[in-house]
Amino acid sequence: MPPLPSYGYGREHPGPRYGSLIHCQNLKDVVITEMLTILAPIFEAPNTDGIDPDSCEDMVIEDCYISVGDDGIAIKSGWDQYGIAYGRPSTNILIRNLVVRSMVR
């Protein structure tokens, strides 16, 4: 997957950014469970997130193994600088019984 463009807002390193392997946006009543395994190729995708719930509510993430090059789970409230203008936070997200590995150098 080619990286997304970077606009430089709040980024530690310039350059492209990679998307998440599971990106959920504006969802309600979602369960991600039962031994889900997410494995990102670390050297080819150093900035990948595992699961990104964005402006979601009533969500359960459990019993998963996540090994990625950046954040295992990154809860968001709108995309980048548009989060404040968008104004829809993520709420009521339960995360339990995970193994998360992040190979950030």
PDB file of N, CA and C in Angstrom:
ATOM      1  N   MET A   1       0.846  -1.161   0.000  1.00  0.00           N
ATOM      2  CA  MET A   1       0.000   0.000   0.000  1.00  0.00           C
ATOM      3  C   MET A   1       0.899   1.233   0.000  1.00  0.00           C
ATOM      4  N   PRO A   2       0.734   2.161  -0.914  1.00  0.00           N
ATOM      5  CA  PRO A   2       1.566   3.362  -0.911  1.00  0.00           C
ATOM      6  C   PRO A   2       1.195   4.261   0.265  1.00  0.00           C
ATOM      7  N   PRO A   3       2.166   5.008   0.792  1.00  0.00           N
ATOM      8  CA  PRO A   3       1.881   5.867   1.930  1.00  0.00           C
ATOM      9  C   PRO A   3       0.992   7.041   1.550  1.00  0.00           C
ATOM     10  N   LEU A   4       0.290   7.557   2.553  1.00  0.00           N
ATOM     11  CA  LEU A   4      -0.519   8.759   2.377  1.00  0.00           C
ATOM     12  C   LEU A   4       0.392   9.984   2.378  1.00  0.00           C
ATOM     13  N   PRO A   5      -0.025  11.105   1.791  1.00  0.00           N
ATOM     14  CA  PRO A   5       0.815  12.301   1.852  1.00  0.00           C
ATOM     15  C   PRO A   5       0.883  12.821   3.279  1.00  0.00           C
ATOM     16  N   SER A   6       1.966  13.466   3.609  1.00  0.00           N
ATOM     17  CA  SER A   6       2.111  14.064   4.924  1.00  0.00           C
ATOM     18  C   SER A   6       2.039  15.573   4.779  1.00  0.00           C
ATOM     19  N   TYR A   7       1.295  16.189   5.660  1.00  0.00           N
ATOM     20  CA  TYR A   7       1.173  17.643   5.629  1.00  0.00           C
ATOM     21  C   TYR A   7       2.011  18.304   6.706  1.00  0.00           C
ATOM     22  N   GLY A   8       2.699  17.510   7.514  1.00  0.00           N
ATOM     23  CA  GLY A   8       3.628  18.042   8.488  1.00  0.00           C
ATOM     24  C   GLY A   8       3.020  18.501   9.799  1.00  0.00           C
ATOM     25  N   TYR A   9       1.728  18.357  10.015  1.00  0.00           N
ATOM     26  CA  TYR A   9       1.112  18.803  11.259  1.00  0.00           C
ATOM     27  C   TYR A   9       1.311  17.764  12.345  1.00  0.00           C
ATOM     28  N   GLY A  10       2.058  18.132  13.395  1.00  0.00           N
ATOM     29  CA  GLY A  10       2.219  17.247  14.534  1.00  0.00           C
ATOM     30  C   GLY A  10       3.027  15.996  14.262  1.00  0.00           C
ATOM     31  N   ARG A  11       3.846  16.015  13.254  1.00  0.00           N
ATOM     32  CA  ARG A  11       4.640  14.830  12.928  1.00  0.00           C
ATOM     33  C   ARG A  11       6.061  15.007  13.413  1.00  0.00           C
ATOM     34  N   GLU A  12       6.631  13.933  13.947  1.00  0.00           N
ATOM     35  CA  GLU A  12       8.002  13.976  14.418  1.00  0.00           C
ATOM     36  C   GLU A  12       8.998  13.898  13.270  1.00  0.00           C
ATOM     37  N   HIS A  13       8.643  13.152  12.238  1.00  0.00           N
ATOM     38  CA  HIS A  13       9.555  12.953  11.118  1.00  0.00           C
ATOM     39  C   HIS A  13       8.860  13.334   9.821  1.00  0.00           C
ATOM     40  N   PRO A  14       9.528  14.096   8.978  1.00  0.00           N
ATOM     41  CA  PRO A  14       8.909  14.421   7.687  1.00  0.00           C
ATOM     42  C   PRO A  14       8.840  13.181   6.805  1.00  0.00           C
ATOM     43  N   GLY A  15       8.024  13.245   5.795  1.00  0.00           N
ATOM     44  CA  GLY A  15       7.924  12.136   4.859  1.00  0.00           C
ATOM     45  C   GLY A  15       6.539  11.539   4.861  1.00  0.00           C
ATOM     46  N   PRO A  16       6.345  10.500   4.062  1.00  0.00           N
ATOM     47  CA  PRO A  16       5.017   9.907   3.930  1.00  0.00           C
ATOM     48  C   PRO A  16       4.605   9.167   5.193  1.00  0.00           C
ATOM     49  N   ARG A  17       3.326   8.950   5.338  1.00  0.00           N
ATOM     50  CA  ARG A  17       2.823   8.170   6.460  1.00  0.00           C
ATOM     51  C   ARG A  17       1.990   7.024   5.912  1.00  0.00           C
ATOM     52  N   TYR A  18       1.988   5.944   6.629  1.00  0.00           N
ATOM     53  CA  TYR A  18       1.251   4.763   6.203  1.00  0.00           C
ATOM     54  C   TYR A  18      -0.081   4.703   6.932  1.00  0.00           C
ATOM     55  N   GLY A  19      -1.073   4.121   6.310  1.00  0.00           N
ATOM     56  CA  GLY A  19      -2.394   3.999   6.922  1.00  0.00           C
ATOM     57  C   GLY A  19      -2.424   2.901   7.957  1.00  0.00           C
ATOM     58  N   SER A  20      -3.527   2.824   8.665  1.00  0.00           N
ATOM     59  CA  SER A  20      -3.705   1.761   9.641  1.00  0.00           C
ATOM     60  C   SER A  20      -4.191   0.500   8.924  1.00  0.00           C
ATOM     61  N   LEU A  21      -3.990  -0.629   9.562  1.00  0.00           N
ATOM     62  CA  LEU A  21      -4.427  -1.881   8.960  1.00  0.00           C
ATOM     63  C   LEU A  21      -5.927  -2.082   9.134  1.00  0.00           C
ATOM     64  N   ILE A  22      -6.499  -1.575  10.232  1.00  0.00           N
ATOM     65  CA  ILE A  22      -7.952  -1.537  10.399  1.00  0.00           C
ATOM     66  C   ILE A  22      -8.301  -0.113  10.818  1.00  0.00           C
ATOM     67  N   HIS A  23      -9.010   0.607   9.974  1.00  0.00           N
ATOM     68  CA  HIS A  23      -9.440   1.973  10.294  1.00  0.00           C
ATOM     69  C   HIS A  23     -10.962   1.983  10.359  1.00  0.00           C
ATOM     70  N   CYS A  24     -11.495   2.314  11.536  1.00  0.00           N
ATOM     71  CA  CYS A  24     -12.945   2.359  11.746  1.00  0.00           C
ATOM     72  C   CYS A  24     -13.337   3.820  11.915  1.00  0.00           C
ATOM     73  N   GLN A  25     -14.308   4.283  11.172  1.00  0.00           N
ATOM     74  CA  GLN A  25     -14.716   5.681  11.284  1.00  0.00           C
ATOM     75  C   GLN A  25     -16.233   5.784  11.381  1.00  0.00           C
ATOM     76  N   ASN A  26     -16.690   6.550  12.389  1.00  0.00           N
ATOM     77  CA  ASN A  26     -18.117   6.807  12.610  1.00  0.00           C
ATOM     78  C   ASN A  26     -18.928   5.522  12.781  1.00  0.00           C
ATOM     79  N   LEU A  27     -18.368   4.550  13.473  1.00  0.00           N
ATOM     80  CA  LEU A  27     -19.076   3.289  13.692  1.00  0.00           C
ATOM     81  C   LEU A  27     -19.640   3.228  15.102  1.00  0.00           C
ATOM     82  N   LYS A  28     -20.685   2.446  15.277  1.00  0.00           N
ATOM     83  CA  LYS A  28     -21.304   2.255  16.583  1.00  0.00           C
ATOM     84  C   LYS A  28     -21.603   0.769  16.770  1.00  0.00           C
ATOM     85  N   ASP A  29     -21.440   0.303  18.012  1.00  0.00           N
ATOM     86  CA  ASP A  29     -21.733  -1.088  18.377  1.00  0.00           C
ATOM     87  C   ASP A  29     -20.899  -2.074  17.559  1.00  0.00           C
ATOM     88  N   VAL A  30     -19.580  -1.984  17.719  1.00  0.00           N
ATOM     89  CA  VAL A  30     -18.644  -2.828  16.970  1.00  0.00           C
ATOM     90  C   VAL A  30     -17.848  -3.687  17.946  1.00  0.00           C
ATOM     91  N   VAL A  31     -17.646  -4.956  17.593  1.00  0.00           N
ATOM     92  CA  VAL A  31     -16.812  -5.854  18.382  1.00  0.00           C
ATOM     93  C   VAL A  31     -15.731  -6.426  17.474  1.00  0.00           C
ATOM     94  N   ILE A  32     -14.473  -6.259  17.876  1.00  0.00           N
ATOM     95  CA  ILE A  32     -13.337  -6.872  17.183  1.00  0.00           C
ATOM     96  C   ILE A  32     -12.747  -7.855  18.185  1.00  0.00           C
ATOM     97  N   THR A  33     -12.841  -9.153  17.899  1.00  0.00           N
ATOM     98  CA  THR A  33     -12.489 -10.153  18.900  1.00  0.00           C
ATOM     99  C   THR A  33     -12.100 -11.483  18.258  1.00  0.00           C
ATOM    100  N   GLU A  34     -11.937 -12.480  19.113  1.00  0.00           N
ATOM    101  CA  GLU A  34     -11.675 -13.868  18.731  1.00  0.00           C
ATOM    102  C   GLU A  34     -10.362 -14.074  17.987  1.00  0.00           C
ATOM    103  N   MET A  35      -9.288 -13.766  18.661  1.00  0.00           N
ATOM    104  CA  MET A  35      -7.949 -14.080  18.167  1.00  0.00           C
ATOM    105  C   MET A  35      -7.611 -13.443  16.822  1.00  0.00           C
ATOM    106  N   LEU A  36      -8.012 -12.221  16.630  1.00  0.00           N
ATOM    107  CA  LEU A  36      -7.596 -11.474  15.445  1.00  0.00           C
ATOM    108  C   LEU A  36      -6.088 -11.261  15.524  1.00  0.00           C
ATOM    109  N   THR A  37      -5.385 -11.511  14.441  1.00  0.00           N
ATOM    110  CA  THR A  37      -3.944 -11.295  14.382  1.00  0.00           C
ATOM    111  C   THR A  37      -3.644 -10.268  13.302  1.00  0.00           C
ATOM    112  N   ILE A  38      -2.901  -9.227  13.678  1.00  0.00           N
ATOM    113  CA  ILE A  38      -2.476  -8.196  12.732  1.00  0.00           C
ATOM    114  C   ILE A  38      -0.957  -8.177  12.743  1.00  0.00           C
ATOM    115  N   LEU A  39      -0.347  -8.455  11.608  1.00  0.00           N
ATOM    116  CA  LEU A  39       1.106  -8.453  11.478  1.00  0.00           C
ATOM    117  C   LEU A  39       1.502  -7.511  10.349  1.00  0.00           C
ATOM    118  N   ALA A  40       2.167  -6.434  10.683  1.00  0.00           N
ATOM    119  CA  ALA A  40       2.633  -5.496   9.660  1.00  0.00           C
ATOM    120  C   ALA A  40       4.077  -5.826   9.310  1.00  0.00           C
ATOM    121  N   PRO A  41       4.443  -5.739   8.042  1.00  0.00           N
ATOM    122  CA  PRO A  41       5.848  -5.926   7.667  1.00  0.00           C
ATOM    123  C   PRO A  41       6.657  -4.731   8.163  1.00  0.00           C
ATOM    124  N   ILE A  42       7.400  -4.918   9.217  1.00  0.00           N
ATOM    125  CA  ILE A  42       8.028  -3.819   9.943  1.00  0.00           C
ATOM    126  C   ILE A  42       8.957  -2.988   9.080  1.00  0.00           C
ATOM    127  N   PHE A  43       9.803  -3.617   8.298  1.00  0.00           N
ATOM    128  CA  PHE A  43      10.783  -2.853   7.536  1.00  0.00           C
ATOM    129  C   PHE A  43      10.166  -2.160   6.327  1.00  0.00           C
ATOM    130  N   GLU A  44       9.083  -2.693   5.783  1.00  0.00           N
ATOM    131  CA  GLU A  44       8.443  -2.079   4.631  1.00  0.00           C
ATOM    132  C   GLU A  44       7.377  -1.062   5.028  1.00  0.00           C
ATOM    133  N   ALA A  45       6.890  -1.115   6.256  1.00  0.00           N
ATOM    134  CA  ALA A  45       5.806  -0.228   6.695  1.00  0.00           C
ATOM    135  C   ALA A  45       6.058   0.232   8.133  1.00  0.00           C
ATOM    136  N   PRO A  46       7.050   1.098   8.347  1.00  0.00           N
ATOM    137  CA  PRO A  46       7.445   1.450   9.704  1.00  0.00           C
ATOM    138  C   PRO A  46       6.440   2.305  10.468  1.00  0.00           C
ATOM    139  N   ASN A  47       5.517   2.975   9.812  1.00  0.00           N
ATOM    140  CA  ASN A  47       4.588   3.872  10.505  1.00  0.00           C
ATOM    141  C   ASN A  47       3.148   3.370  10.507  1.00  0.00           C
ATOM    142  N   THR A  48       2.950   2.075  10.410  1.00  0.00           N
ATOM    143  CA  THR A  48       1.586   1.544  10.382  1.00  0.00           C
ATOM    144  C   THR A  48       1.009   1.424  11.787  1.00  0.00           C
ATOM    145  N   ASP A  49      -0.274   1.734  11.913  1.00  0.00           N
ATOM    146  CA  ASP A  49      -1.023   1.478  13.139  1.00  0.00           C
ATOM    147  C   ASP A  49      -1.788   0.175  12.947  1.00  0.00           C
ATOM    148  N   GLY A  50      -2.121  -0.470  14.046  1.00  0.00           N
ATOM    149  CA  GLY A  50      -2.904  -1.695  13.961  1.00  0.00           C
ATOM    150  C   GLY A  50      -4.382  -1.412  13.776  1.00  0.00           C
ATOM    151  N   ILE A  51      -5.010  -0.818  14.800  1.00  0.00           N
ATOM    152  CA  ILE A  51      -6.437  -0.507  14.759  1.00  0.00           C
ATOM    153  C   ILE A  51      -6.612   0.961  15.131  1.00  0.00           C
ATOM    154  N   ASP A  52      -7.329   1.715  14.308  1.00  0.00           N
ATOM    155  CA  ASP A  52      -7.593   3.136  14.560  1.00  0.00           C
ATOM    156  C   ASP A  52      -9.096   3.395  14.632  1.00  0.00           C
ATOM    157  N   PRO A  53      -9.690   3.310  15.815  1.00  0.00           N
ATOM    158  CA  PRO A  53     -11.091   3.724  15.931  1.00  0.00           C
ATOM    159  C   PRO A  53     -11.158   5.252  15.875  1.00  0.00           C
ATOM    160  N   ASP A  54     -11.879   5.789  14.937  1.00  0.00           N
ATOM    161  CA  ASP A  54     -11.957   7.235  14.732  1.00  0.00           C
ATOM    162  C   ASP A  54     -13.417   7.672  14.846  1.00  0.00           C
ATOM    163  N   SER A  55     -13.721   8.453  15.867  1.00  0.00           N
ATOM    164  CA  SER A  55     -15.082   8.953  16.106  1.00  0.00           C
ATOM    165  C   SER A  55     -16.082   7.804  16.219  1.00  0.00           C
ATOM    166  N   CYS A  56     -15.685   6.756  16.936  1.00  0.00           N
ATOM    167  CA  CYS A  56     -16.533   5.573  17.114  1.00  0.00           C
ATOM    168  C   CYS A  56     -17.089   5.540  18.535  1.00  0.00           C
ATOM    169  N   GLU A  57     -18.165   4.787  18.726  1.00  0.00           N
ATOM    170  CA  GLU A  57     -18.720   4.637  20.065  1.00  0.00           C
ATOM    171  C   GLU A  57     -19.215   3.211  20.288  1.00  0.00           C
ATOM    172  N   ASP A  58     -19.213   2.831  21.561  1.00  0.00           N
ATOM    173  CA  ASP A  58     -19.670   1.502  21.975  1.00  0.00           C
ATOM    174  C   ASP A  58     -18.931   0.407  21.210  1.00  0.00           C
ATOM    175  N   MET A  59     -17.640   0.320  21.476  1.00  0.00           N
ATOM    176  CA  MET A  59     -16.769  -0.598  20.734  1.00  0.00           C
ATOM    177  C   MET A  59     -15.999  -1.476  21.720  1.00  0.00           C
ATOM    178  N   VAL A  60     -15.776  -2.736  21.359  1.00  0.00           N
ATOM    179  CA  VAL A  60     -14.963  -3.657  22.149  1.00  0.00           C
ATOM    180  C   VAL A  60     -13.863  -4.205  21.250  1.00  0.00           C
ATOM    181  N   ILE A  61     -12.622  -4.129  21.736  1.00  0.00           N
ATOM    182  CA  ILE A  61     -11.474  -4.735  21.053  1.00  0.00           C
ATOM    183  C   ILE A  61     -10.850  -5.685  22.068  1.00  0.00           C
ATOM    184  N   GLU A  62     -10.875  -6.989  21.785  1.00  0.00           N
ATOM    185  CA  GLU A  62     -10.377  -7.947  22.771  1.00  0.00           C
ATOM    186  C   GLU A  62      -9.819  -9.200  22.101  1.00  0.00           C
ATOM    187  N   ASP A  63      -8.972  -9.908  22.859  1.00  0.00           N
ATOM    188  CA  ASP A  63      -8.417 -11.191  22.435  1.00  0.00           C
ATOM    189  C   ASP A  63      -7.726 -11.103  21.079  1.00  0.00           C
ATOM    190  N   CYS A  64      -6.838 -10.121  20.913  1.00  0.00           N
ATOM    191  CA  CYS A  64      -6.143  -9.915  19.638  1.00  0.00           C
ATOM    192  C   CYS A  64      -4.634  -9.898  19.847  1.00  0.00           C
ATOM    193  N   TYR A  65      -3.903 -10.191  18.790  1.00  0.00           N
ATOM    194  CA  TYR A  65      -2.448 -10.058  18.758  1.00  0.00           C
ATOM    195  C   TYR A  65      -2.120  -9.046  17.669  1.00  0.00           C
ATOM    196  N   ILE A  66      -1.420  -7.966  18.050  1.00  0.00           N
ATOM    197  CA  ILE A  66      -1.114  -6.887  17.113  1.00  0.00           C
ATOM    198  C   ILE A  66       0.389  -6.630  17.144  1.00  0.00           C
ATOM    199  N   SER A  67       1.043  -6.735  16.003  1.00  0.00           N
ATOM    200  CA  SER A  67       2.464  -6.435  15.884  1.00  0.00           C
ATOM    201  C   SER A  67       2.642  -5.514  14.684  1.00  0.00           C
ATOM    202  N   VAL A  68       2.947  -4.250  14.957  1.00  0.00           N
ATOM    203  CA  VAL A  68       3.000  -3.230  13.905  1.00  0.00           C
ATOM    204  C   VAL A  68       4.230  -2.346  14.075  1.00  0.00           C
ATOM    205  N   GLY A  69       4.399  -1.407  13.150  1.00  0.00           N
ATOM    206  CA  GLY A  69       5.549  -0.516  13.181  1.00  0.00           C
ATOM    207  C   GLY A  69       5.317   0.782  13.922  1.00  0.00           C
ATOM    208  N   ASP A  70       4.128   0.995  14.487  1.00  0.00           N
ATOM    209  CA  ASP A  70       3.857   2.240  15.213  1.00  0.00           C
ATOM    210  C   ASP A  70       2.868   1.945  16.337  1.00  0.00           C
ATOM    211  N   ASP A  71       1.707   2.573  16.336  1.00  0.00           N
ATOM    212  CA  ASP A  71       0.732   2.391  17.413  1.00  0.00           C
ATOM    213  C   ASP A  71      -0.070   1.108  17.211  1.00  0.00           C
ATOM    214  N   GLY A  72      -0.183   0.312  18.256  1.00  0.00           N
ATOM    215  CA  GLY A  72      -1.028  -0.871  18.177  1.00  0.00           C
ATOM    216  C   GLY A  72      -2.490  -0.487  18.030  1.00  0.00           C
ATOM    217  N   ILE A  73      -2.933   0.421  18.903  1.00  0.00           N
ATOM    218  CA  ILE A  73      -4.284   0.977  18.827  1.00  0.00           C
ATOM    219  C   ILE A  73      -4.160   2.482  19.035  1.00  0.00           C
ATOM    220  N   ALA A  74      -4.754   3.258  18.152  1.00  0.00           N
ATOM    221  CA  ALA A  74      -4.730   4.723  18.261  1.00  0.00           C
ATOM    222  C   ALA A  74      -6.164   5.231  18.164  1.00  0.00           C
ATOM    223  N   ILE A  75      -6.724   5.604  19.309  1.00  0.00           N
ATOM    224  CA  ILE A  75      -8.101   6.106  19.334  1.00  0.00           C
ATOM    225  C   ILE A  75      -8.084   7.567  18.906  1.00  0.00           C
ATOM    226  N   LYS A  76      -8.930   7.903  17.937  1.00  0.00           N
ATOM    227  CA  LYS A  76      -8.908   9.242  17.354  1.00  0.00           C
ATOM    228  C   LYS A  76     -10.287   9.892  17.387  1.00  0.00           C
ATOM    229  N   SER A  77     -10.276  11.193  17.190  1.00  0.00           N
ATOM    230  CA  SER A  77     -11.524  11.974  17.159  1.00  0.00           C
ATOM    231  C   SER A  77     -11.499  12.930  15.986  1.00  0.00           C
ATOM    232  N   GLY A  78     -11.473  12.391  14.813  1.00  0.00           N
ATOM    233  CA  GLY A  78     -11.375  13.218  13.613  1.00  0.00           C
ATOM    234  C   GLY A  78      -9.989  13.106  13.024  1.00  0.00           C
ATOM    235  N   TRP A  79      -9.882  13.319  11.736  1.00  0.00           N
ATOM    236  CA  TRP A  79      -8.633  13.118  11.014  1.00  0.00           C
ATOM    237  C   TRP A  79      -7.705  14.312  11.165  1.00  0.00           C
ATOM    238  N   ASP A  80      -6.507  14.082  11.697  1.00  0.00           N
ATOM    239  CA  ASP A  80      -5.445  15.081  11.845  1.00  0.00           C
ATOM    240  C   ASP A  80      -5.969  16.410  12.387  1.00  0.00           C
ATOM    241  N   GLN A  81      -5.632  17.502  11.739  1.00  0.00           N
ATOM    242  CA  GLN A  81      -5.993  18.826  12.248  1.00  0.00           C
ATOM    243  C   GLN A  81      -7.485  19.096  12.170  1.00  0.00           C
ATOM    244  N   TYR A  82      -8.229  18.261  11.480  1.00  0.00           N
ATOM    245  CA  TYR A  82      -9.664  18.471  11.351  1.00  0.00           C
ATOM    246  C   TYR A  82     -10.444  17.928  12.543  1.00  0.00           C
ATOM    247  N   GLY A  83      -9.782  17.279  13.476  1.00  0.00           N
ATOM    248  CA  GLY A  83     -10.471  16.684  14.617  1.00  0.00           C
ATOM    249  C   GLY A  83     -11.262  17.678  15.447  1.00  0.00           C
ATOM    250  N   ILE A  84     -10.691  18.847  15.724  1.00  0.00           N
ATOM    251  CA  ILE A  84     -11.390  19.853  16.521  1.00  0.00           C
ATOM    252  C   ILE A  84     -12.596  20.388  15.758  1.00  0.00           C
ATOM    253  N   ALA A  85     -12.423  20.675  14.485  1.00  0.00           N
ATOM    254  CA  ALA A  85     -13.533  21.189  13.675  1.00  0.00           C
ATOM    255  C   ALA A  85     -14.620  20.126  13.505  1.00  0.00           C
ATOM    256  N   TYR A  86     -14.207  18.869  13.405  1.00  0.00           N
ATOM    257  CA  TYR A  86     -15.159  17.777  13.220  1.00  0.00           C
ATOM    258  C   TYR A  86     -16.007  17.585  14.468  1.00  0.00           C
ATOM    259  N   GLY A  87     -15.336  17.625  15.633  1.00  0.00           N
ATOM    260  CA  GLY A  87     -16.031  17.646  16.911  1.00  0.00           C
ATOM    261  C   GLY A  87     -16.809  16.401  17.295  1.00  0.00           C
ATOM    262  N   ARG A  88     -16.333  15.217  16.919  1.00  0.00           N
ATOM    263  CA  ARG A  88     -17.015  13.988  17.335  1.00  0.00           C
ATOM    264  C   ARG A  88     -16.009  13.055  17.996  1.00  0.00           C
ATOM    265  N   PRO A  89     -15.972  13.014  19.321  1.00  0.00           N
ATOM    266  CA  PRO A  89     -14.993  12.167  20.003  1.00  0.00           C
ATOM    267  C   PRO A  89     -15.357  10.686  19.927  1.00  0.00           C
ATOM    268  N   SER A  90     -14.365   9.859  20.144  1.00  0.00           N
ATOM    269  CA  SER A  90     -14.606   8.426  20.321  1.00  0.00           C
ATOM    270  C   SER A  90     -15.011   8.211  21.776  1.00  0.00           C
ATOM    271  N   THR A  91     -16.036   7.398  22.014  1.00  0.00           N
ATOM    272  CA  THR A  91     -16.523   7.190  23.382  1.00  0.00           C
ATOM    273  C   THR A  91     -16.836   5.719  23.630  1.00  0.00           C
ATOM    274  N   ASN A  92     -16.711   5.338  24.899  1.00  0.00           N
ATOM    275  CA  ASN A  92     -17.109   4.017  25.372  1.00  0.00           C
ATOM    276  C   ASN A  92     -16.431   2.890  24.584  1.00  0.00           C
ATOM    277  N   ILE A  93     -15.093   2.920  24.583  1.00  0.00           N
ATOM    278  CA  ILE A  93     -14.303   1.886  23.903  1.00  0.00           C
ATOM    279  C   ILE A  93     -13.603   1.044  24.965  1.00  0.00           C
ATOM    280  N   LEU A  94     -13.866  -0.247  24.959  1.00  0.00           N
ATOM    281  CA  LEU A  94     -13.272  -1.185  25.901  1.00  0.00           C
ATOM    282  C   LEU A  94     -12.187  -1.976  25.179  1.00  0.00           C
ATOM    283  N   ILE A  95     -10.978  -1.972  25.761  1.00  0.00           N
ATOM    284  CA  ILE A  95      -9.841  -2.703  25.187  1.00  0.00           C
ATOM    285  C   ILE A  95      -9.327  -3.643  26.270  1.00  0.00           C
ATOM    286  N   ARG A  96      -9.280  -4.956  25.966  1.00  0.00           N
ATOM    287  CA  ARG A  96      -8.820  -5.904  26.984  1.00  0.00           C
ATOM    288  C   ARG A  96      -8.232  -7.160  26.341  1.00  0.00           C
ATOM    289  N   ASN A  97      -7.327  -7.768  27.111  1.00  0.00           N
ATOM    290  CA  ASN A  97      -6.721  -9.044  26.758  1.00  0.00           C
ATOM    291  C   ASN A  97      -6.053  -9.017  25.387  1.00  0.00           C
ATOM    292  N   LEU A  98      -5.134  -8.060  25.208  1.00  0.00           N
ATOM    293  CA  LEU A  98      -4.393  -7.934  23.950  1.00  0.00           C
ATOM    294  C   LEU A  98      -2.915  -8.188  24.175  1.00  0.00           C
ATOM    295  N   VAL A  99      -2.253  -8.630  23.136  1.00  0.00           N
ATOM    296  CA  VAL A  99      -0.798  -8.604  23.073  1.00  0.00           C
ATOM    297  C   VAL A  99      -0.472  -7.614  21.967  1.00  0.00           C
ATOM    298  N   VAL A 100       0.268  -6.551  22.324  1.00  0.00           N
ATOM    299  CA  VAL A 100       0.598  -5.510  21.353  1.00  0.00           C
ATOM    300  C   VAL A 100       2.104  -5.323  21.326  1.00  0.00           C
ATOM    301  N   ARG A 101       2.676  -5.413  20.134  1.00  0.00           N
ATOM    302  CA  ARG A 101       4.106  -5.169  19.940  1.00  0.00           C
ATOM    303  C   ARG A 101       4.255  -4.034  18.945  1.00  0.00           C
ATOM    304  N   SER A 102       5.071  -3.058  19.308  1.00  0.00           N
ATOM    305  CA  SER A 102       5.342  -1.939  18.414  1.00  0.00           C
ATOM    306  C   SER A 102       6.843  -1.861  18.215  1.00  0.00           C
ATOM    307  N   MET A 103       7.260  -1.973  16.986  1.00  0.00           N
ATOM    308  CA  MET A 103       8.684  -2.026  16.675  1.00  0.00           C
ATOM    309  C   MET A 103       9.225  -0.648  16.293  1.00  0.00           C
ATOM    310  N   VAL A 104       8.887   0.371  17.072  1.00  0.00           N
ATOM    311  CA  VAL A 104       9.371   1.729  16.808  1.00  0.00           C
ATOM    312  C   VAL A 104      10.829   1.806  17.218  1.00  0.00           C
ATOM    313  N   ARG A 105      11.639   2.414  16.366  1.00  0.00           N
ATOM    314  CA  ARG A 105      13.076   2.542  16.677  1.00  0.00           C
ATOM    315  C   ARG A 105      13.392   3.938  17.104  1.00  0.00           C
TER     316      ARG A 105
END
